[in-house]
Amino acid sequence: MVKKKAAPKKAPANPVLSHLQSNLKELQVDAQAVLSRVRKEAVRLSHEQKRALDRVVSDAKQLRADLEKLVKQTTTDLEARAKRFLSSLEKDAKHMWRSK
C-alpha cells in the first residue's frame, strides 16, 4: 500500500480570518500563562494559610498549657489558704472555749 502524503495546510484565503486566528492563538497562550501563574499563586497561598493555621494551633496549645498551669497553681494556693483559715478558726475556737 502506498501512503498518501498529507496535503499541505492551505493558508486562509481571507487575511482578516488569518489575523483573527493568529490573535486567537496568542490569546490562548496568554490565557494558559495566566492560568499557570494563578495556580502557582493559589498553591503558595495555600501553603501560607497552612503555616498560619499551624501557628494559630500552636499558640492555642501553648495558651492551654499556660492556663492549665495557672489553674493548678491557683488551686494549690486556694487549698493552702483554706487550710490556714481553718487552722485559724480552730485556734480561735480553742481560745474561746478556754476563756470561758
PDB file of N, CA and C in Angstrom:
ATOM      1  N   MET A   1       0.827  -1.177   0.000  1.00  0.00           N
ATOM      2  CA  MET A   1       0.000   0.000   0.000  1.00  0.00           C
ATOM      3  C   MET A   1       0.876   1.247   0.000  1.00  0.00           C
ATOM      4  N   VAL A   2       0.485   2.148  -0.748  1.00  0.00           N
ATOM      5  CA  VAL A   2       1.230   3.385  -0.840  1.00  0.00           C
ATOM      6  C   VAL A   2       0.520   4.417   0.014  1.00  0.00           C
ATOM      7  N   LYS A   3       1.304   5.015   0.919  1.00  0.00           N
ATOM      8  CA  LYS A   3       0.707   6.017   1.790  1.00  0.00           C
ATOM      9  C   LYS A   3       0.655   7.342   1.061  1.00  0.00           C
ATOM     10  N   LYS A   4      -0.445   8.005   1.275  1.00  0.00           N
ATOM     11  CA  LYS A   4      -0.584   9.310   0.658  1.00  0.00           C
ATOM     12  C   LYS A   4       0.084  10.343   1.547  1.00  0.00           C
ATOM     13  N   LYS A   5       0.711  11.292   0.937  1.00  0.00           N
ATOM     14  CA  LYS A   5       1.315  12.375   1.678  1.00  0.00           C
ATOM     15  C   LYS A   5       0.209  13.301   2.152  1.00  0.00           C
ATOM     16  N   ALA A   6       0.402  13.825   3.351  1.00  0.00           N
ATOM     17  CA  ALA A   6      -0.585  14.760   3.878  1.00  0.00           C
ATOM     18  C   ALA A   6      -0.548  16.012   3.027  1.00  0.00           C
ATOM     19  N   ALA A   7      -1.707  16.462   2.733  1.00  0.00           N
ATOM     20  CA  ALA A   7      -1.796  17.676   1.929  1.00  0.00           C
ATOM     21  C   ALA A   7      -1.307  18.848   2.760  1.00  0.00           C
ATOM     22  N   PRO A   8      -0.527  19.735   2.188  1.00  0.00           N
ATOM     23  CA  PRO A   8      -0.071  20.899   2.943  1.00  0.00           C
ATOM     24  C   PRO A   8      -1.258  21.758   3.342  1.00  0.00           C
ATOM     25  N   LYS A   9      -1.116  22.364   4.542  1.00  0.00           N
ATOM     26  CA  LYS A   9      -2.214  23.206   5.017  1.00  0.00           C
ATOM     27  C   LYS A   9      -2.312  24.419   4.110  1.00  0.00           C
ATOM     28  N   LYS A  10      -3.514  24.699   3.768  1.00  0.00           N
ATOM     29  CA  LYS A  10      -3.732  25.857   2.921  1.00  0.00           C
ATOM     30  C   LYS A  10      -3.826  27.086   3.799  1.00  0.00           C
ATOM     31  N   ALA A  11      -3.219  28.125   3.411  1.00  0.00           N
ATOM     32  CA  ALA A  11      -3.330  29.392   4.120  1.00  0.00           C
ATOM     33  C   ALA A  11      -4.734  29.921   3.866  1.00  0.00           C
ATOM     34  N   PRO A  12      -5.320  30.485   4.911  1.00  0.00           N
ATOM     35  CA  PRO A  12      -6.667  31.014   4.712  1.00  0.00           C
ATOM     36  C   PRO A  12      -6.641  32.071   3.604  1.00  0.00           C
ATOM     37  N   ALA A  13      -7.673  32.018   2.816  1.00  0.00           N
ATOM     38  CA  ALA A  13      -7.761  32.948   1.696  1.00  0.00           C
ATOM     39  C   ALA A  13      -8.025  34.362   2.180  1.00  0.00           C
ATOM     40  N   ASN A  14      -8.673  34.450   3.324  1.00  0.00           N
ATOM     41  CA  ASN A  14      -9.053  35.762   3.838  1.00  0.00           C
ATOM     42  C   ASN A  14      -8.005  36.248   4.834  1.00  0.00           C
ATOM     43  N   PRO A  15      -7.328  37.372   4.585  1.00  0.00           N
ATOM     44  CA  PRO A  15      -6.310  37.855   5.523  1.00  0.00           C
ATOM     45  C   PRO A  15      -6.892  38.256   6.879  1.00  0.00           C
ATOM     46  N   VAL A  16      -8.116  38.687   6.935  1.00  0.00           N
ATOM     47  CA  VAL A  16      -8.752  39.045   8.214  1.00  0.00           C
ATOM     48  C   VAL A  16      -8.916  37.799   9.064  1.00  0.00           C
ATOM     49  N   LEU A  17      -9.350  36.722   8.427  1.00  0.00           N
ATOM     50  CA  LEU A  17      -9.513  35.460   9.141  1.00  0.00           C
ATOM     51  C   LEU A  17      -8.162  34.977   9.656  1.00  0.00           C
ATOM     52  N   SER A  18      -7.146  35.090   8.854  1.00  0.00           N
ATOM     53  CA  SER A  18      -5.801  34.695   9.262  1.00  0.00           C
ATOM     54  C   SER A  18      -5.339  35.514  10.475  1.00  0.00           C
ATOM     55  N   HIS A  19      -5.585  36.788  10.428  1.00  0.00           N
ATOM     56  CA  HIS A  19      -5.202  37.678  11.536  1.00  0.00           C
ATOM     57  C   HIS A  19      -5.971  37.308  12.807  1.00  0.00           C
ATOM     58  N   LEU A  20      -7.262  37.034  12.671  1.00  0.00           N
ATOM     59  CA  LEU A  20      -8.077  36.646  13.825  1.00  0.00           C
ATOM     60  C   LEU A  20      -7.592  35.326  14.417  1.00  0.00           C
ATOM     61  N   GLN A  21      -7.257  34.373  13.570  1.00  0.00           N
ATOM     62  CA  GLN A  21      -6.761  33.088  14.058  1.00  0.00           C
ATOM     63  C   GLN A  21      -5.432  33.268  14.800  1.00  0.00           C
ATOM     64  N   SER A  22      -4.598  34.092  14.273  1.00  0.00           N
ATOM     65  CA  SER A  22      -3.320  34.369  14.922  1.00  0.00           C
ATOM     66  C   SER A  22      -3.535  35.008  16.292  1.00  0.00           C
ATOM     67  N   ASN A  23      -4.412  35.987  16.351  1.00  0.00           N
ATOM     68  CA  ASN A  23      -4.715  36.641  17.634  1.00  0.00           C
ATOM     69  C   ASN A  23      -5.343  35.670  18.622  1.00  0.00           C
ATOM     70  N   LEU A  24      -6.190  34.786  18.119  1.00  0.00           N
ATOM     71  CA  LEU A  24      -6.833  33.797  18.986  1.00  0.00           C
ATOM     72  C   LEU A  24      -5.790  32.860  19.585  1.00  0.00           C
ATOM     73  N   LYS A  25      -4.839  32.408  18.774  1.00  0.00           N
ATOM     74  CA  LYS A  25      -3.775  31.540  19.293  1.00  0.00           C
ATOM     75  C   LYS A  25      -2.953  32.275  20.348  1.00  0.00           C
ATOM     76  N   GLU A  26      -2.662  33.550  20.088  1.00  0.00           N
ATOM     77  CA  GLU A  26      -1.905  34.350  21.049  1.00  0.00           C
ATOM     78  C   GLU A  26      -2.670  34.503  22.360  1.00  0.00           C
ATOM     79  N   LEU A  27      -3.970  34.706  22.262  1.00  0.00           N
ATOM     80  CA  LEU A  27      -4.805  34.801  23.469  1.00  0.00           C
ATOM     81  C   LEU A  27      -4.801  33.493  24.253  1.00  0.00           C
ATOM     82  N   GLN A  28      -4.846  32.381  23.528  1.00  0.00           N
ATOM     83  CA  GLN A  28      -4.822  31.078  24.193  1.00  0.00           C
ATOM     84  C   GLN A  28      -3.519  30.884  24.957  1.00  0.00           C
ATOM     85  N   VAL A  29      -2.417  31.253  24.355  1.00  0.00           N
ATOM     86  CA  VAL A  29      -1.107  31.127  25.018  1.00  0.00           C
ATOM     87  C   VAL A  29      -1.066  32.018  26.251  1.00  0.00           C
ATOM     88  N   ASP A  30      -1.538  33.258  26.104  1.00  0.00           N
ATOM     89  CA  ASP A  30      -1.565  34.188  27.242  1.00  0.00           C
ATOM     90  C   ASP A  30      -2.461  33.663  28.361  1.00  0.00           C
ATOM     91  N   ALA A  31      -3.610  33.123  27.983  1.00  0.00           N
ATOM     92  CA  ALA A  31      -4.540  32.592  28.980  1.00  0.00           C
ATOM     93  C   ALA A  31      -3.919  31.422  29.726  1.00  0.00           C
ATOM     94  N   GLN A  32      -3.186  30.569  29.019  1.00  0.00           N
ATOM     95  CA  GLN A  32      -2.514  29.442  29.669  1.00  0.00           C
ATOM     96  C   GLN A  32      -1.459  29.936  30.644  1.00  0.00           C
ATOM     97  N   ALA A  33      -0.726  30.973  30.256  1.00  0.00           N
ATOM     98  CA  ALA A  33       0.311  31.529  31.138  1.00  0.00           C
ATOM     99  C   ALA A  33      -0.323  32.117  32.394  1.00  0.00           C
ATOM    100  N   VAL A  34      -1.420  32.849  32.224  1.00  0.00           N
ATOM    101  CA  VAL A  34      -2.117  33.442  33.378  1.00  0.00           C
ATOM    102  C   VAL A  34      -2.649  32.337  34.279  1.00  0.00           C
ATOM    103  N   LEU A  35      -3.251  31.334  33.683  1.00  0.00           N
ATOM    104  CA  LEU A  35      -3.792  30.217  34.463  1.00  0.00           C
ATOM    105  C   LEU A  35      -2.686  29.521  35.252  1.00  0.00           C
ATOM    106  N   SER A  36      -1.546  29.338  34.638  1.00  0.00           N
ATOM    107  CA  SER A  36      -0.412  28.707  35.317  1.00  0.00           C
ATOM    108  C   SER A  36       0.033  29.557  36.505  1.00  0.00           C
ATOM    109  N   ARG A  37       0.150  30.874  36.309  1.00  0.00           N
ATOM    110  CA  ARG A  37       0.558  31.759  37.412  1.00  0.00           C
ATOM    111  C   ARG A  37      -0.478  31.746  38.535  1.00  0.00           C
ATOM    112  N   VAL A  38      -1.753  31.738  38.175  1.00  0.00           N
ATOM    113  CA  VAL A  38      -2.815  31.724  39.189  1.00  0.00           C
ATOM    114  C   VAL A  38      -2.751  30.438  40.001  1.00  0.00           C
ATOM    115  N   ARG A  39      -2.521  29.318  39.325  1.00  0.00           N
ATOM    116  CA  ARG A  39      -2.415  28.041  40.047  1.00  0.00           C
ATOM    117  C   ARG A  39      -1.239  28.054  41.020  1.00  0.00           C
ATOM    118  N   LYS A  40      -0.090  28.561  40.551  1.00  0.00           N
ATOM    119  CA  LYS A  40       1.082  28.635  41.427  1.00  0.00           C
ATOM    120  C   LYS A  40       0.807  29.536  42.624  1.00  0.00           C
ATOM    121  N   GLU A  41       0.159  30.656  42.386  1.00  0.00           N
ATOM    122  CA  GLU A  41      -0.158  31.588  43.476  1.00  0.00           C
ATOM    123  C   GLU A  41      -1.133  30.945  44.462  1.00  0.00           C
ATOM    124  N   ALA A  42      -2.096  30.201  43.945  1.00  0.00           N
ATOM    125  CA  ALA A  42      -3.061  29.532  44.822  1.00  0.00           C
ATOM    126  C   ALA A  42      -2.363  28.510  45.711  1.00  0.00           C
ATOM    127  N   VAL A  43      -1.409  27.769  45.153  1.00  0.00           N
ATOM    128  CA  VAL A  43      -0.656  26.791  45.942  1.00  0.00           C
ATOM    129  C   VAL A  43       0.169  27.512  46.997  1.00  0.00           C
ATOM    130  N   ARG A  44       0.806  28.625  46.602  1.00  0.00           N
ATOM    131  CA  ARG A  44       1.620  29.386  47.549  1.00  0.00           C
ATOM    132  C   ARG A  44       0.764  29.920  48.684  1.00  0.00           C
ATOM    133  N   LEU A  45      -0.402  30.455  48.343  1.00  0.00           N
ATOM    134  CA  LEU A  45      -1.300  30.959  49.383  1.00  0.00           C
ATOM    135  C   LEU A  45      -1.762  29.829  50.287  1.00  0.00           C
ATOM    136  N   SER A  46      -2.028  28.679  49.692  1.00  0.00           N
ATOM    137  CA  SER A  46      -2.463  27.542  50.500  1.00  0.00           C
ATOM    138  C   SER A  46      -1.384  27.167  51.513  1.00  0.00           C
ATOM    139  N   HIS A  47      -0.119  27.194  51.071  1.00  0.00           N
ATOM    140  CA  HIS A  47       0.978  26.874  51.992  1.00  0.00           C
ATOM    141  C   HIS A  47       1.065  27.929  53.095  1.00  0.00           C
ATOM    142  N   GLU A  48       0.927  29.200  52.719  1.00  0.00           N
ATOM    143  CA  GLU A  48       0.989  30.269  53.718  1.00  0.00           C
ATOM    144  C   GLU A  48      -0.171  30.158  54.695  1.00  0.00           C
ATOM    145  N   GLN A  49      -1.351  29.844  54.182  1.00  0.00           N
ATOM    146  CA  GLN A  49      -2.509  29.698  55.065  1.00  0.00           C
ATOM    147  C   GLN A  49      -2.323  28.510  56.005  1.00  0.00           C
ATOM    148  N   LYS A  50      -1.743  27.426  55.497  1.00  0.00           N
ATOM    149  CA  LYS A  50      -1.498  26.260  56.343  1.00  0.00           C
ATOM    150  C   LYS A  50      -0.496  26.603  57.444  1.00  0.00           C
ATOM    151  N   ARG A  51       0.565  27.332  57.072  1.00  0.00           N
ATOM    152  CA  ARG A  51       1.548  27.738  58.085  1.00  0.00           C
ATOM    153  C   ARG A  51       0.905  28.658  59.121  1.00  0.00           C
ATOM    154  N   ALA A  52       0.070  29.572  58.659  1.00  0.00           N
ATOM    155  CA  ALA A  52      -0.601  30.483  59.593  1.00  0.00           C
ATOM    156  C   ALA A  52      -1.522  29.696  60.519  1.00  0.00           C
ATOM    157  N   LEU A  53      -2.244  28.742  59.977  1.00  0.00           N
ATOM    158  CA  LEU A  53      -3.127  27.920  60.800  1.00  0.00           C
ATOM    159  C   LEU A  53      -2.323  27.098  61.798  1.00  0.00           C
ATOM    160  N   ASP A  54      -1.191  26.562  61.353  1.00  0.00           N
ATOM    161  CA  ASP A  54      -0.326  25.805  62.265  1.00  0.00           C
ATOM    162  C   ASP A  54       0.162  26.687  63.412  1.00  0.00           C
ATOM    163  N   ARG A  55       0.507  27.949  63.091  1.00  0.00           N
ATOM    164  CA  ARG A  55       0.940  28.875  64.145  1.00  0.00           C
ATOM    165  C   ARG A  55      -0.194  29.145  65.129  1.00  0.00           C
ATOM    166  N   VAL A  56      -1.398  29.335  64.624  1.00  0.00           N
ATOM    167  CA  VAL A  56      -2.543  29.593  65.499  1.00  0.00           C
ATOM    168  C   VAL A  56      -2.790  28.393  66.406  1.00  0.00           C
ATOM    169  N   VAL A  57      -2.738  27.201  65.845  1.00  0.00           N
ATOM    170  CA  VAL A  57      -2.958  25.989  66.643  1.00  0.00           C
ATOM    171  C   VAL A  57      -1.860  25.842  67.692  1.00  0.00           C
ATOM    172  N   SER A  58      -0.630  26.099  67.298  1.00  0.00           N
ATOM    173  CA  SER A  58       0.487  26.011  68.242  1.00  0.00           C
ATOM    174  C   SER A  58       0.316  27.018  69.379  1.00  0.00           C
ATOM    175  N   ASP A  59      -0.052  28.247  69.022  1.00  0.00           N
ATOM    176  CA  ASP A  59      -0.285  29.264  70.055  1.00  0.00           C
ATOM    177  C   ASP A  59      -1.427  28.858  70.982  1.00  0.00           C
ATOM    178  N   ALA A  60      -2.488  28.286  70.411  1.00  0.00           N
ATOM    179  CA  ALA A  60      -3.620  27.855  71.229  1.00  0.00           C
ATOM    180  C   ALA A  60      -3.202  26.747  72.197  1.00  0.00           C
ATOM    181  N   LYS A  61      -2.372  25.822  71.728  1.00  0.00           N
ATOM    182  CA  LYS A  61      -1.887  24.751  72.608  1.00  0.00           C
ATOM    183  C   LYS A  61      -1.044  25.325  73.741  1.00  0.00           C
ATOM    184  N   GLN A  62      -0.195  26.303  73.404  1.00  0.00           N
ATOM    185  CA  GLN A  62       0.644  26.925  74.430  1.00  0.00           C
ATOM    186  C   GLN A  62      -0.223  27.666  75.449  1.00  0.00           C
ATOM    187  N   LEU A  63      -1.220  28.377  74.971  1.00  0.00           N
ATOM    188  CA  LEU A  63      -2.125  29.084  75.887  1.00  0.00           C
ATOM    189  C   LEU A  63      -2.855  28.108  76.794  1.00  0.00           C
ATOM    190  N   ARG A  64      -3.269  26.985  76.230  1.00  0.00           N
ATOM    191  CA  ARG A  64      -3.953  25.973  77.030  1.00  0.00           C
ATOM    192  C   ARG A  64      -3.029  25.441  78.121  1.00  0.00           C
ATOM    193  N   ALA A  65      -1.790  25.139  77.743  1.00  0.00           N
ATOM    194  CA  ALA A  65      -0.828  24.634  78.726  1.00  0.00           C
ATOM    195  C   ALA A  65      -0.583  25.677  79.817  1.00  0.00           C
ATOM    196  N   ASP A  66      -0.423  26.937  79.416  1.00  0.00           N
ATOM    197  CA  ASP A  66      -0.213  28.009  80.400  1.00  0.00           C
ATOM    198  C   ASP A  66      -1.418  28.139  81.329  1.00  0.00           C
ATOM    199  N   LEU A  67      -2.605  28.048  80.754  1.00  0.00           N
ATOM    200  CA  LEU A  67      -3.824  28.146  81.558  1.00  0.00           C
ATOM    201  C   LEU A  67      -3.936  26.983  82.536  1.00  0.00           C
ATOM    202  N   GLU A  68      -3.590  25.778  82.080  1.00  0.00           N
ATOM    203  CA  GLU A  68      -3.637  24.623  82.971  1.00  0.00           C
ATOM    204  C   GLU A  68      -2.661  24.790  84.138  1.00  0.00           C
ATOM    205  N   LYS A  69      -1.475  25.317  83.859  1.00  0.00           N
ATOM    206  CA  LYS A  69      -0.503  25.574  84.935  1.00  0.00           C
ATOM    207  C   LYS A  69      -1.048  26.604  85.915  1.00  0.00           C
ATOM    208  N   LEU A  70      -1.645  27.648  85.376  1.00  0.00           N
ATOM    209  CA  LEU A  70      -2.206  28.698  86.220  1.00  0.00           C
ATOM    210  C   LEU A  70      -3.339  28.159  87.092  1.00  0.00           C
ATOM    211  N   VAL A  71      -4.193  27.336  86.513  1.00  0.00           N
ATOM    212  CA  VAL A  71      -5.296  26.741  87.278  1.00  0.00           C
ATOM    213  C   VAL A  71      -4.746  25.847  88.379  1.00  0.00           C
ATOM    214  N   LYS A  72      -3.747  25.059  88.051  1.00  0.00           N
ATOM    215  CA  LYS A  72      -3.157  24.161  89.044  1.00  0.00           C
ATOM    216  C   LYS A  72      -2.557  24.960  90.201  1.00  0.00           C
ATOM    217  N   GLN A  73      -1.809  26.021  89.873  1.00  0.00           N
ATOM    218  CA  GLN A  73      -1.192  26.857  90.906  1.00  0.00           C
ATOM    219  C   GLN A  73      -2.250  27.551  91.751  1.00  0.00           C
ATOM    220  N   THR A  74      -3.288  28.058  91.090  1.00  0.00           N
ATOM    221  CA  THR A  74      -4.361  28.737  91.823  1.00  0.00           C
ATOM    222  C   THR A  74      -5.084  27.768  92.745  1.00  0.00           C
ATOM    223  N   THR A  75      -5.319  26.559  92.281  1.00  0.00           N
ATOM    224  CA  THR A  75      -5.967  25.543  93.110  1.00  0.00           C
ATOM    225  C   THR A  75      -5.125  25.230  94.335  1.00  0.00           C
ATOM    226  N   THR A  76      -3.821  25.066  94.105  1.00  0.00           N
ATOM    227  CA  THR A  76      -2.910  24.796  95.226  1.00  0.00           C
ATOM    228  C   THR A  76      -2.935  25.938  96.235  1.00  0.00           C
ATOM    229  N   ASP A  77      -2.879  27.171  95.729  1.00  0.00           N
ATOM    230  CA  ASP A  77      -2.903  28.340  96.613  1.00  0.00           C
ATOM    231  C   ASP A  77      -4.211  28.419  97.397  1.00  0.00           C
ATOM    232  N   LEU A  78      -5.318  28.164  96.726  1.00  0.00           N
ATOM    233  CA  LEU A  78      -6.620  28.224  97.411  1.00  0.00           C
ATOM    234  C   LEU A  78      -6.732  27.139  98.475  1.00  0.00           C
ATOM    235  N   GLU A  79      -6.235  25.950  98.182  1.00  0.00           N
ATOM    236  CA  GLU A  79      -6.276  24.883  99.172  1.00  0.00           C
ATOM    237  C   GLU A  79      -5.428  25.256 100.388  1.00  0.00           C
ATOM    238  N   ALA A  80      -4.262  25.834 100.142  1.00  0.00           N
ATOM    239  CA  ALA A  80      -3.395  26.246 101.255  1.00  0.00           C
ATOM    240  C   ALA A  80      -4.073  27.337 102.078  1.00  0.00           C
ATOM    241  N   ARG A  81      -4.710  28.288 101.427  1.00  0.00           N
ATOM    242  CA  ARG A  81      -5.414  29.354 102.153  1.00  0.00           C
ATOM    243  C   ARG A  81      -6.557  28.788 102.982  1.00  0.00           C
ATOM    244  N   ALA A  82      -7.282  27.849 102.381  1.00  0.00           N
ATOM    245  CA  ALA A  82      -8.405  27.240 103.110  1.00  0.00           C
ATOM    246  C   ALA A  82      -7.898  26.508 104.357  1.00  0.00           C
ATOM    247  N   LYS A  83      -6.762  25.807 104.240  1.00  0.00           N
ATOM    248  CA  LYS A  83      -6.194  25.105 105.393  1.00  0.00           C
ATOM    249  C   LYS A  83      -5.757  26.092 106.469  1.00  0.00           C
ATOM    250  N   ARG A  84      -5.113  27.186 106.049  1.00  0.00           N
ATOM    251  CA  ARG A  84      -4.689  28.200 107.019  1.00  0.00           C
ATOM    252  C   ARG A  84      -5.899  28.839 107.710  1.00  0.00           C
ATOM    253  N   PHE A  85      -6.937  29.103 106.944  1.00  0.00           N
ATOM    254  CA  PHE A  85      -8.144  29.715 107.505  1.00  0.00           C
ATOM    255  C   PHE A  85      -8.802  28.755 108.501  1.00  0.00           C
ATOM    256  N   LEU A  86      -8.890  27.498 108.130  1.00  0.00           N
ATOM    257  CA  LEU A  86      -9.476  26.508 109.022  1.00  0.00           C
ATOM    258  C   LEU A  86      -8.649  26.381 110.295  1.00  0.00           C
ATOM    259  N   SER A  87      -7.328  26.365 110.140  1.00  0.00           N
ATOM    260  CA  SER A  87      -6.446  26.295 111.303  1.00  0.00           C
ATOM    261  C   SER A  87      -6.652  27.517 112.199  1.00  0.00           C
ATOM    262  N   SER A  88      -6.776  28.668 111.601  1.00  0.00           N
ATOM    263  CA  SER A  88      -7.008  29.904 112.365  1.00  0.00           C
ATOM    264  C   SER A  88      -8.339  29.839 113.114  1.00  0.00           C
ATOM    265  N   LEU A  89      -9.356  29.328 112.453  1.00  0.00           N
ATOM    266  CA  LEU A  89     -10.664  29.193 113.110  1.00  0.00           C
ATOM    267  C   LEU A  89     -10.590  28.225 114.284  1.00  0.00           C
ATOM    268  N   GLU A  90      -9.852  27.130 114.084  1.00  0.00           N
ATOM    269  CA  GLU A  90      -9.722  26.154 115.166  1.00  0.00           C
ATOM    270  C   GLU A  90      -9.009  26.769 116.365  1.00  0.00           C
ATOM    271  N   LYS A  91      -7.962  27.552 116.119  1.00  0.00           N
ATOM    272  CA  LYS A  91      -7.244  28.211 117.214  1.00  0.00           C
ATOM    273  C   LYS A  91      -8.153  29.191 117.932  1.00  0.00           C
ATOM    274  N   ASP A  92      -8.903  29.972 117.164  1.00  0.00           N
ATOM    275  CA  ASP A  92      -9.833  30.929 117.770  1.00  0.00           C
ATOM    276  C   ASP A  92     -10.886  30.212 118.604  1.00  0.00           C
ATOM    277  N   ALA A  93     -11.367  29.079 118.098  1.00  0.00           N
ATOM    278  CA  ALA A  93     -12.387  28.330 118.837  1.00  0.00           C
ATOM    279  C   ALA A  93     -11.797  27.780 120.141  1.00  0.00           C
ATOM    280  N   LYS A  94     -10.553  27.305 120.130  1.00  0.00           N
ATOM    281  CA  LYS A  94      -9.922  26.792 121.345  1.00  0.00           C
ATOM    282  C   LYS A  94      -9.752  27.905 122.369  1.00  0.00           C
ATOM    283  N   HIS A  95      -9.359  29.092 121.893  1.00  0.00           N
ATOM    284  CA  HIS A  95      -9.201  30.233 122.812  1.00  0.00           C
ATOM    285  C   HIS A  95     -10.539  30.616 123.444  1.00  0.00           C
ATOM    286  N   MET A  96     -11.571  30.554 122.616  1.00  0.00           N
ATOM    287  CA  MET A  96     -12.898  30.935 123.140  1.00  0.00           C
ATOM    288  C   MET A  96     -13.352  29.920 124.208  1.00  0.00           C
ATOM    289  N   TRP A  97     -13.090  28.630 123.986  1.00  0.00           N
ATOM    290  CA  TRP A  97     -13.505  27.620 124.959  1.00  0.00           C
ATOM    291  C   TRP A  97     -12.667  27.703 126.219  1.00  0.00           C
ATOM    292  N   ARG A  98     -11.408  28.042 126.092  1.00  0.00           N
ATOM    293  CA  ARG A  98     -10.541  28.126 127.259  1.00  0.00           C
ATOM    294  C   ARG A  98     -10.881  29.366 128.101  1.00  0.00           C
ATOM    295  N   SER A  99     -11.255  30.420 127.423  1.00  0.00           N
ATOM    296  CA  SER A  99     -11.530  31.649 128.189  1.00  0.00           C
ATOM    297  C   SER A  99     -12.842  31.568 128.932  1.00  0.00           C
ATOM    298  N   LYS A 100     -13.676  30.657 128.632  1.00  0.00           N
ATOM    299  CA  LYS A 100     -14.977  30.563 129.318  1.00  0.00           C
ATOM    300  C   LYS A 100     -14.842  29.911 130.630  1.00  0.00           C
TER     301      LYS A 100
END
